C-alpha atoms as a PDB file:
ATOM      1  CA  SER A   1     -31.116  31.630  -9.933  1.00  0.00           C
ATOM      2  CA  THR A   2     -28.626  29.722  -7.794  1.00  0.00           C
ATOM      3  CA  SER A   3     -28.777  25.929  -8.004  1.00  0.00           C
ATOM      4  CA  GLY A   4     -28.067  23.693  -5.046  1.00  0.00           C
ATOM      5  CA  PRO A   5     -29.079  24.129  -1.379  1.00  0.00           C
ATOM      6  CA  LYS A   6     -31.502  26.943  -0.530  1.00  0.00           C
ATOM      7  CA  TRP A   7     -28.975  28.525   1.806  1.00  0.00           C
ATOM      8  CA  LEU A   8     -26.867  29.399  -1.251  1.00  0.00           C
ATOM      9  CA  ALA A   9     -29.702  31.444  -2.763  1.00  0.00           C
ATOM     10  CA  PHE A  10     -29.294  34.571  -0.611  1.00  0.00           C
ATOM     11  CA  ASN A  11     -29.299  38.163  -1.837  1.00  0.00           C
ATOM     12  CA  PRO A  12     -25.593  39.105  -1.756  1.00  0.00           C
ATOM     13  CA  SER A  13     -26.207  42.849  -1.366  1.00  0.00           C
ATOM     14  CA  GLU A  14     -28.380  42.242   1.682  1.00  0.00           C
ATOM     15  CA  ARG A  15     -25.784  39.849   3.064  1.00  0.00           C
ATOM     16  CA  VAL A  16     -23.073  42.520   2.847  1.00  0.00           C
ATOM     17  CA  LYS A  17     -25.270  44.943   4.809  1.00  0.00           C
ATOM     18  CA  GLU A  18     -25.958  42.300   7.436  1.00  0.00           C
ATOM     19  CA  LEU A  19     -22.254  41.558   7.862  1.00  0.00           C
ATOM     20  CA  ALA A  20     -21.360  45.231   8.227  1.00  0.00           C
ATOM     21  CA  VAL A  21     -24.109  45.756  10.827  1.00  0.00           C
ATOM     22  CA  ALA A  22     -22.917  42.652  12.674  1.00  0.00           C
ATOM     23  CA  GLY A  23     -19.434  44.159  12.960  1.00  0.00           C
ATOM     24  CA  ALA A  24     -17.410  42.609  10.146  1.00  0.00           C
ATOM     25  CA  LYS A  25     -14.344  44.756   9.472  1.00  0.00           C
ATOM     26  CA  ALA A  26     -12.974  43.146   6.294  1.00  0.00           C
ATOM     27  CA  ILE A  27     -15.342  41.987   3.547  1.00  0.00           C
ATOM     28  CA  LEU A  28     -14.485  40.559   0.122  1.00  0.00           C
ATOM     29  CA  LEU A  29     -17.059  40.826  -2.675  1.00  0.00           C
ATOM     30  CA  TYR A  30     -16.309  38.496  -5.568  1.00  0.00           C
ATOM     31  CA  GLY A  31     -17.992  37.515  -8.809  1.00  0.00           C
ATOM     32  CA  PRO A  32     -18.209  38.267 -12.541  1.00  0.00           C
ATOM     33  CA  PRO A  33     -18.465  41.865 -13.807  1.00  0.00           C
ATOM     34  CA  ARG A  34     -21.822  43.656 -13.585  1.00  0.00           C
ATOM     35  CA  THR A  35     -23.269  41.571 -10.759  1.00  0.00           C
ATOM     36  CA  GLY A  36     -23.848  44.413  -8.285  1.00  0.00           C
ATOM     37  CA  LYS A  37     -20.620  44.500  -6.273  1.00  0.00           C
ATOM     38  CA  THR A  38     -20.053  48.253  -6.660  1.00  0.00           C
ATOM     39  CA  ARG A  39     -23.710  49.005  -5.990  1.00  0.00           C
ATOM     40  CA  ALA A  40     -23.549  46.984  -2.767  1.00  0.00           C
ATOM     41  CA  ILE A  41     -20.469  48.905  -1.635  1.00  0.00           C
ATOM     42  CA  ASP A  42     -22.124  52.238  -2.424  1.00  0.00           C
ATOM     43  CA  ALA A  43     -25.138  51.151  -0.363  1.00  0.00           C
ATOM     44  CA  LEU A  44     -22.860  50.787   2.666  1.00  0.00           C
ATOM     45  CA  MET A  45     -21.504  54.311   2.252  1.00  0.00           C
ATOM     46  CA  ALA A  46     -21.835  56.738  -0.650  1.00  0.00           C
ATOM     47  CA  ARG A  47     -18.755  57.156  -2.824  1.00  0.00           C
ATOM     48  CA  ASP A  48     -18.586  60.898  -2.118  1.00  0.00           C
ATOM     49  CA  ASN A  49     -18.866  60.511   1.670  1.00  0.00           C
ATOM     50  CA  ALA A  50     -15.893  62.147   3.366  1.00  0.00           C
ATOM     51  CA  ASP A  51     -15.497  59.083   5.617  1.00  0.00           C
ATOM     52  CA  ARG A  52     -14.887  56.792   2.624  1.00  0.00           C
ATOM     53  CA  ALA A  53     -11.760  56.254   0.534  1.00  0.00           C
ATOM     54  CA  THR A  54     -11.950  54.342  -2.740  1.00  0.00           C
ATOM     55  CA  ILE A  55      -8.709  52.966  -4.185  1.00  0.00           C
ATOM     56  CA  GLN A  56      -8.615  51.443  -7.651  1.00  0.00           C
ATOM     57  CA  ILE A  57      -5.908  48.775  -7.703  1.00  0.00           C
ATOM     58  CA  HIS A  58      -3.782  48.787 -10.849  1.00  0.00           C
ATOM     59  CA  ASP A  59      -1.932  45.888 -12.442  1.00  0.00           C
ATOM     60  CA  GLY A  60       1.172  44.927 -10.516  1.00  0.00           C
ATOM     61  CA  TRP A  61       0.868  47.509  -7.750  1.00  0.00           C
ATOM     62  CA  SER A  62       3.443  46.755  -5.066  1.00  0.00           C
ATOM     63  CA  TYR A  63       3.769  47.710  -1.408  1.00  0.00           C
ATOM     64  CA  GLU A  64       5.657  50.803  -2.536  1.00  0.00           C
ATOM     65  CA  HIS A  65       2.668  51.940  -4.634  1.00  0.00           C
ATOM     66  CA  LEU A  66      -0.035  51.165  -2.108  1.00  0.00           C
ATOM     67  CA  MET A  67       1.561  51.708   1.296  1.00  0.00           C
ATOM     68  CA  LEU A  68       5.032  53.232   1.571  1.00  0.00           C
ATOM     69  CA  GLY A  69       7.975  53.657  -0.754  1.00  0.00           C
ATOM     70  CA  MET A  70      11.093  55.687  -1.423  1.00  0.00           C
ATOM     71  CA  LYS A  71      10.481  58.453  -3.972  1.00  0.00           C
ATOM     72  CA  ALA A  72      12.724  61.078  -5.484  1.00  0.00           C
ATOM     73  CA  ALA A  73      12.542  64.450  -3.732  1.00  0.00           C
ATOM     74  CA  GLY A  74      14.750  66.846  -5.645  1.00  0.00           C
ATOM     75  CA  THR A  75      18.288  65.494  -5.569  1.00  0.00           C
ATOM     76  CA  SER A  76      17.564  62.999  -2.795  1.00  0.00           C
ATOM     77  CA  PHE A  77      15.050  60.322  -1.869  1.00  0.00           C
ATOM     78  CA  ASP A  78      12.434  60.339   0.852  1.00  0.00           C
ATOM     79  CA  TRP A  79       9.603  58.151   2.119  1.00  0.00           C
ATOM     80  CA  LYS A  80       6.241  58.754   0.466  1.00  0.00           C
ATOM     81  CA  ALA A  81       2.947  57.274   1.663  1.00  0.00           C
ATOM     82  CA  GLY A  82       0.662  55.550  -0.825  1.00  0.00           C
ATOM     83  CA  PRO A  83      -3.135  55.907  -1.021  1.00  0.00           C
ATOM     84  CA  LEU A  84      -3.905  53.095   1.429  1.00  0.00           C
ATOM     85  CA  LEU A  85      -1.605  54.389   4.149  1.00  0.00           C
ATOM     86  CA  ASN A  86      -2.935  57.922   3.598  1.00  0.00           C
ATOM     87  CA  ALA A  87      -6.526  56.698   3.933  1.00  0.00           C
ATOM     88  CA  ILE A  88      -5.768  54.952   7.235  1.00  0.00           C
ATOM     89  CA  HIS A  89      -3.877  57.947   8.607  1.00  0.00           C
ATOM     90  CA  ALA A  90      -6.801  60.173   7.594  1.00  0.00           C
ATOM     91  CA  GLY A  91      -9.125  58.068   9.726  1.00  0.00           C
ATOM     92  CA  LYS A  92     -11.412  56.927   6.926  1.00  0.00           C
ATOM     93  CA  LYS A  93     -14.218  54.751   8.267  1.00  0.00           C
ATOM     94  CA  VAL A  94     -14.643  52.729   5.041  1.00  0.00           C
ATOM     95  CA  ILE A  95     -11.709  51.904   2.754  1.00  0.00           C
ATOM     96  CA  VAL A  96     -12.611  50.262  -0.549  1.00  0.00           C
ATOM     97  CA  LEU A  97      -9.997  48.472  -2.665  1.00  0.00           C
ATOM     98  CA  GLU A  98     -11.506  47.764  -6.086  1.00  0.00           C
ATOM     99  CA  GLU A  99     -10.211  45.005  -8.385  1.00  0.00           C
ATOM    100  CA  ALA A 100      -8.108  43.696  -5.514  1.00  0.00           C
ATOM    101  CA  ASN A 101      -6.802  40.732  -7.493  1.00  0.00           C
ATOM    102  CA  ARG A 102      -5.007  42.914 -10.022  1.00  0.00           C
ATOM    103  CA  THR A 103      -1.865  42.529  -7.941  1.00  0.00           C
ATOM    104  CA  GLN A 104      -0.308  40.178  -5.378  1.00  0.00           C
ATOM    105  CA  LEU A 105      -2.413  41.735  -2.658  1.00  0.00           C
ATOM    106  CA  VAL A 106      -0.959  40.067   0.433  1.00  0.00           C
ATOM    107  CA  GLN A 107       2.522  41.382  -0.374  1.00  0.00           C
ATOM    108  CA  SER A 108       1.181  44.798  -1.351  1.00  0.00           C
ATOM    109  CA  LEU A 109      -0.822  45.232   1.848  1.00  0.00           C
ATOM    110  CA  GLY A 110       2.210  44.664   4.060  1.00  0.00           C
ATOM    111  CA  GLU A 111       1.414  45.633   7.647  1.00  0.00           C
ATOM    112  CA  VAL A 112      -2.270  46.052   6.797  1.00  0.00           C
ATOM    113  CA  PHE A 113      -2.468  42.339   6.033  1.00  0.00           C
ATOM    114  CA  SER A 114      -1.003  41.504   9.433  1.00  0.00           C
ATOM    115  CA  LEU A 115      -3.404  43.833  11.267  1.00  0.00           C
ATOM    116  CA  LEU A 116      -6.548  43.253   9.193  1.00  0.00           C
ATOM    117  CA  GLU A 117      -8.396  41.015  11.651  1.00  0.00           C
ATOM    118  CA  THR A 118     -10.454  42.647  14.415  1.00  0.00           C
ATOM    119  CA  ARG A 119      -8.369  41.094  17.197  1.00  0.00           C
ATOM    120  CA  TYR A 120      -5.220  42.815  15.864  1.00  0.00           C
ATOM    121  CA  ARG A 121      -6.731  46.297  15.622  1.00  0.00           C
ATOM    122  CA  GLY A 122      -5.964  49.308  17.822  1.00  0.00           C
ATOM    123  CA  SER A 123      -2.850  50.999  19.179  1.00  0.00           C
ATOM    124  CA  LYS A 124      -1.973  48.034  21.421  1.00  0.00           C
ATOM    125  CA  ASN A 125      -1.133  46.087  18.243  1.00  0.00           C
ATOM    126  CA  ALA A 126       0.948  48.811  16.622  1.00  0.00           C
ATOM    127  CA  MET A 127       3.846  47.860  14.322  1.00  0.00           C
ATOM    128  CA  PHE A 128       6.765  49.829  12.926  1.00  0.00           C
ATOM    129  CA  LEU A 129       6.705  50.753   9.250  1.00  0.00           C
ATOM    130  CA  ARG A 130       9.796  50.786   7.055  1.00  0.00           C
ATOM    131  CA  ASP A 131      10.366  54.465   7.774  1.00  0.00           C
ATOM    132  CA  GLY A 132      10.441  53.769  11.533  1.00  0.00           C
ATOM    133  CA  THR A 133       7.047  55.297  12.336  1.00  0.00           C
ATOM    134  CA  SER A 134       4.449  53.464  14.416  1.00  0.00           C
ATOM    135  CA  PHE A 135       1.345  52.194  12.636  1.00  0.00           C
ATOM    136  CA  TYR A 136      -1.942  50.579  13.644  1.00  0.00           C
ATOM    137  CA  ILE A 137      -5.431  50.167  12.193  1.00  0.00           C
ATOM    138  CA  PRO A 138      -8.320  51.685  14.174  1.00  0.00           C
ATOM    139  CA  GLU A 139     -10.907  49.227  15.468  1.00  0.00           C
ATOM    140  CA  GLU A 140     -13.767  50.827  13.536  1.00  0.00           C
ATOM    141  CA  THR A 141     -12.157  50.891  10.077  1.00  0.00           C
ATOM    142  CA  LEU A 142     -14.035  48.730   7.557  1.00  0.00           C
ATOM    143  CA  PHE A 143     -12.085  47.353   4.581  1.00  0.00           C
ATOM    144  CA  VAL A 144     -14.080  46.271   1.529  1.00  0.00           C
ATOM    145  CA  PHE A 145     -12.337  44.421  -1.303  1.00  0.00           C
ATOM    146  CA  SER A 146     -13.904  43.710  -4.686  1.00  0.00           C
ATOM    147  CA  MET A 147     -12.702  41.032  -7.089  1.00  0.00           C
ATOM    148  CA  ASN A 148     -13.610  40.230 -10.694  1.00  0.00           C
ATOM    149  CA  THR A 149     -13.488  36.443 -11.008  1.00  0.00           C
ATOM    150  CA  LEU A 150     -13.517  36.433 -14.825  1.00  0.00           C
ATOM    151  CA  ASP A 151     -10.383  38.524 -15.352  1.00  0.00           C
ATOM    152  CA  ASN A 152      -7.848  35.893 -16.386  1.00  0.00           C
ATOM    153  CA  SER A 153      -4.997  38.408 -16.432  1.00  0.00           C
ATOM    154  CA  THR A 154      -5.124  38.984 -12.686  1.00  0.00           C
ATOM    155  CA  GLU A 155      -3.613  37.279  -9.659  1.00  0.00           C
ATOM    156  CA  GLU A 156      -5.249  34.606  -7.526  1.00  0.00           C
ATOM    157  CA  VAL A 157      -6.317  35.833  -4.112  1.00  0.00           C
ATOM    158  CA  ASP A 158      -4.089  34.240  -1.495  1.00  0.00           C
ATOM    159  CA  ASP A 159      -5.712  31.696   0.847  1.00  0.00           C
ATOM    160  CA  ALA A 160      -4.134  33.570   3.738  1.00  0.00           C
ATOM    161  CA  LEU A 161      -6.149  36.661   2.813  1.00  0.00           C
ATOM    162  CA  LEU A 162      -9.356  34.627   2.483  1.00  0.00           C
ATOM    163  CA  GLY A 163      -8.804  33.502   6.057  1.00  0.00           C
ATOM    164  CA  ARG A 164      -8.796  37.122   7.248  1.00  0.00           C
ATOM    165  CA  VAL A 165     -11.914  38.378   5.464  1.00  0.00           C
ATOM    166  CA  VAL A 166     -15.554  37.359   5.236  1.00  0.00           C
ATOM    167  CA  SER A 167     -16.375  36.620   1.603  1.00  0.00           C
ATOM    168  CA  VAL A 168     -19.643  37.208  -0.246  1.00  0.00           C
ATOM    169  CA  GLU A 169     -20.184  35.806  -3.723  1.00  0.00           C
ATOM    170  CA  PHE A 170     -22.027  37.957  -6.284  1.00  0.00           C
ATOM    171  CA  PRO A 171     -23.243  35.519  -8.947  1.00  0.00           C
ATOM    172  CA  PRO A 172     -25.346  36.442 -11.994  1.00  0.00           C
ATOM    173  CA  ARG A 173     -29.002  36.304 -10.899  1.00  0.00           C
ATOM    174  CA  VAL A 174     -32.033  35.970 -13.153  1.00  0.00           C
ATOM    175  CA  GLU A 175     -34.176  37.535 -10.436  1.00  0.00           C
ATOM    176  CA  ASP A 176     -31.993  40.654 -10.445  1.00  0.00           C
ATOM    177  CA  ALA A 177     -32.227  40.848 -14.230  1.00  0.00           C
ATOM    178  CA  ARG A 178     -36.015  40.644 -13.886  1.00  0.00           C
ATOM    179  CA  ALA A 179     -35.978  43.544 -11.408  1.00  0.00           C
ATOM    180  CA  ILE A 180     -33.860  45.644 -13.790  1.00  0.00           C
ATOM    181  CA  LEU A 181     -36.240  44.933 -16.673  1.00  0.00           C
ATOM    182  CA  SER A 182     -39.266  45.732 -14.507  1.00  0.00           C
ATOM    183  CA  ASP A 183     -37.727  49.059 -13.508  1.00  0.00           C
ATOM    184  CA  ALA A 184     -37.248  49.786 -17.231  1.00  0.00           C
ATOM    185  CA  LYS A 185     -41.020  49.199 -17.636  1.00  0.00           C
ATOM    186  CA  LEU A 186     -40.552  46.503 -20.237  1.00  0.00           C
ATOM    187  CA  PRO A 187     -43.890  44.662 -20.745  1.00  0.00           C
ATOM    188  CA  PHE A 188     -44.356  41.527 -18.624  1.00  0.00           C
ATOM    189  CA  GLU A 189     -44.435  39.187 -21.597  1.00  0.00           C
ATOM    190  CA  ALA A 190     -41.157  40.616 -22.917  1.00  0.00           C
ATOM    191  CA  ILE A 191     -39.583  40.340 -19.466  1.00  0.00           C
ATOM    192  CA  ASP A 192     -40.421  36.639 -19.376  1.00  0.00           C
ATOM    193  CA  ARG A 193     -38.809  36.136 -22.784  1.00  0.00           C
ATOM    194  CA  VAL A 194     -35.651  38.020 -21.807  1.00  0.00           C
ATOM    195  CA  CYS A 195     -35.333  36.081 -18.558  1.00  0.00           C
ATOM    196  CA  GLU A 196     -35.745  32.796 -20.396  1.00  0.00           C
ATOM    197  CA  PHE A 197     -33.022  33.896 -22.794  1.00  0.00           C
ATOM    198  CA  TYR A 198     -30.800  34.984 -19.902  1.00  0.00           C
ATOM    199  CA  ALA A 199     -31.203  31.638 -18.150  1.00  0.00           C
ATOM    200  CA  GLY A 200     -30.089  29.966 -21.382  1.00  0.00           C
ATOM    201  CA  VAL A 201     -27.000  32.184 -21.538  1.00  0.00           C
ATOM    202  CA  LEU A 202     -26.152  31.402 -17.909  1.00  0.00           C
ATOM    203  CA  SER A 203     -26.062  27.701 -18.713  1.00  0.00           C
ATOM    204  CA  LYS A 204     -23.018  28.495 -20.857  1.00  0.00           C
ATOM    205  CA  TYR A 205     -21.467  31.704 -19.474  1.00  0.00           C
ATOM    206  CA  PRO A 206     -21.846  33.758 -16.239  1.00  0.00           C
ATOM    207  CA  LEU A 207     -22.969  37.012 -17.864  1.00  0.00           C
ATOM    208  CA  GLY A 208     -23.678  39.650 -15.201  1.00  0.00           C
ATOM    209  CA  HIS A 209     -27.297  40.779 -14.900  1.00  0.00           C
ATOM    210  CA  GLY A 210     -26.084  44.388 -14.925  1.00  0.00           C
ATOM    211  CA  TYR A 211     -25.570  44.094 -18.675  1.00  0.00           C
ATOM    212  CA  PHE A 212     -29.354  44.557 -18.972  1.00  0.00           C
ATOM    213  CA  SER A 213     -29.306  47.964 -17.287  1.00  0.00           C
ATOM    214  CA  ASN A 214     -29.706  49.913 -20.545  1.00  0.00           C
ATOM    215  CA  VAL A 215     -32.742  48.020 -21.830  1.00  0.00           C
ATOM    216  CA  THR A 216     -35.592  50.335 -22.881  1.00  0.00           C
ATOM    217  CA  SER A 217     -39.335  49.803 -22.499  1.00  0.00           C
ATOM    218  CA  ASN A 218     -39.702  48.994 -26.209  1.00  0.00           C
ATOM    219  CA  PRO A 219     -39.783  45.209 -26.873  1.00  0.00           C
ATOM    220  CA  SER A 220     -38.871  45.755 -30.533  1.00  0.00           C
ATOM    221  CA  ASP A 221     -35.454  47.004 -29.409  1.00  0.00           C
ATOM    222  CA  LEU A 222     -34.467  43.742 -27.733  1.00  0.00           C
ATOM    223  CA  ILE A 223     -32.723  41.992 -30.602  1.00  0.00           C
ATOM    224  CA  GLN A 224     -30.729  45.127 -31.396  1.00  0.00           C
ATOM    225  CA  TYR A 225     -29.877  45.437 -27.706  1.00  0.00           C
ATOM    226  CA  TYR A 226     -28.499  41.902 -27.836  1.00  0.00           C
ATOM    227  CA  VAL A 227     -26.391  42.787 -30.889  1.00  0.00           C
ATOM    228  CA  ASN A 228     -25.028  46.033 -29.401  1.00  0.00           C
ATOM    229  CA  TYR A 229     -24.650  45.284 -25.679  1.00  0.00           C
ATOM    230  CA  LEU A 230     -24.630  41.547 -25.013  1.00  0.00           C
ATOM    231  CA  ARG A 231     -23.260  39.769 -28.053  1.00  0.00           C
ATOM    232  CA  PRO A 232     -19.828  41.531 -28.019  1.00  0.00           C
ATOM    233  CA  VAL A 233     -19.211  40.209 -24.484  1.00  0.00           C
ATOM    234  CA  ILE A 234     -20.472  36.730 -25.333  1.00  0.00           C
ATOM    235  CA  GLN A 235     -18.585  36.717 -28.636  1.00  0.00           C
ATOM    236  CA  LYS A 236     -15.327  37.490 -26.842  1.00  0.00           C
ATOM    237  CA  ARG A 237     -15.907  34.594 -24.459  1.00  0.00           C
ATOM    238  CA  PHE A 238     -16.692  32.133 -27.265  1.00  0.00           C
ATOM    239  CA  ARG A 239     -14.236  33.385 -29.881  1.00  0.00           C
ATOM    240  CA  HIS A 240     -12.857  29.838 -30.111  1.00  0.00           C
ATOM    241  CA  ASP A 241     -16.236  28.146 -29.734  1.00  0.00           C
ATOM    242  CA  GLU A 242     -18.428  29.050 -32.688  1.00  0.00           C
ATOM    243  CA  SER A 243     -21.018  26.383 -31.878  1.00  0.00           C
ATOM    244  CA  SER A 244     -21.786  27.883 -28.454  1.00  0.00           C
ATOM    245  CA  LEU A 245     -21.996  31.387 -29.897  1.00  0.00           C
ATOM    246  CA  ARG A 246     -24.314  30.160 -32.634  1.00  0.00           C
ATOM    247  CA  SER A 247     -26.590  28.430 -30.118  1.00  0.00           C
ATOM    248  CA  ILE A 248     -26.918  31.673 -28.135  1.00  0.00           C
ATOM    249  CA  ASP A 249     -27.550  33.635 -31.340  1.00  0.00           C
ATOM    250  CA  LEU A 250     -30.346  31.212 -32.222  1.00  0.00           C
ATOM    251  CA  LEU A 251     -31.795  31.527 -28.723  1.00  0.00           C
ATOM    252  CA  ALA A 252     -31.765  35.313 -29.099  1.00  0.00           C
ATOM    253  CA  ASP A 253     -33.499  35.003 -32.465  1.00  0.00           C
ATOM    254  CA  GLU A 254     -36.172  32.816 -30.896  1.00  0.00           C
ATOM    255  CA  LEU A 255     -36.841  34.854 -27.740  1.00  0.00           C
ATOM    256  CA  LEU A 256     -35.767  38.459 -28.364  1.00  0.00           C
ATOM    257  CA  ARG A 257     -36.892  39.133 -31.912  1.00  0.00           C
ATOM    258  CA  SER A 258     -40.348  40.753 -32.161  1.00  0.00           C
END
């Protein structure tokens, strides 16, 4: 669970819903992998809903990839819209940009960055794109960005972008791990042991609670589950810190072995 003031211990998924209902039009979800960010986005609008566009950001995507660039057309070149510009032109109500920090997002967004805030929406705030066409963002369009805070190979999110979005942190939560284990019908005693183990892991590494989603109802499977699902992630993190890995291994032996 979250340490510090009680007002930090909110349910992030519920907070995202509240913000959307209250009229937020640009929301950033950030935190380690497997902490419920995608599930929270899907709760706002299903992935297969025709009013939603989901764009997976790739490493180093530029404005030309995401918005508008010159592309070869036979023997000549012509302007070609990217997935974000296409989604806006198509009138999508929810536009999701996943792994937003895999590129220098402010530069890649271009005009979208300038028009992201609610007060700059609508045709009255239209701007000209590089191809000379007029462009604006409808008032009702909701942008949702997700960011993996443990991916060291990605870009930092610009402070200027943080000033234009409302941000919701998705930390690892023992209570969410407990809910996952309860749904898997793991016995209560085993759930307590797993949660105690998980709290010990979190004192060293922010492992997402979603890594417990494949746990079965059989307590005798727990140590093997640790070996197959959890330890590879933890081992990667502590590849240069054998003492920390060993302490977690010993904790697993104490609490997960039947």
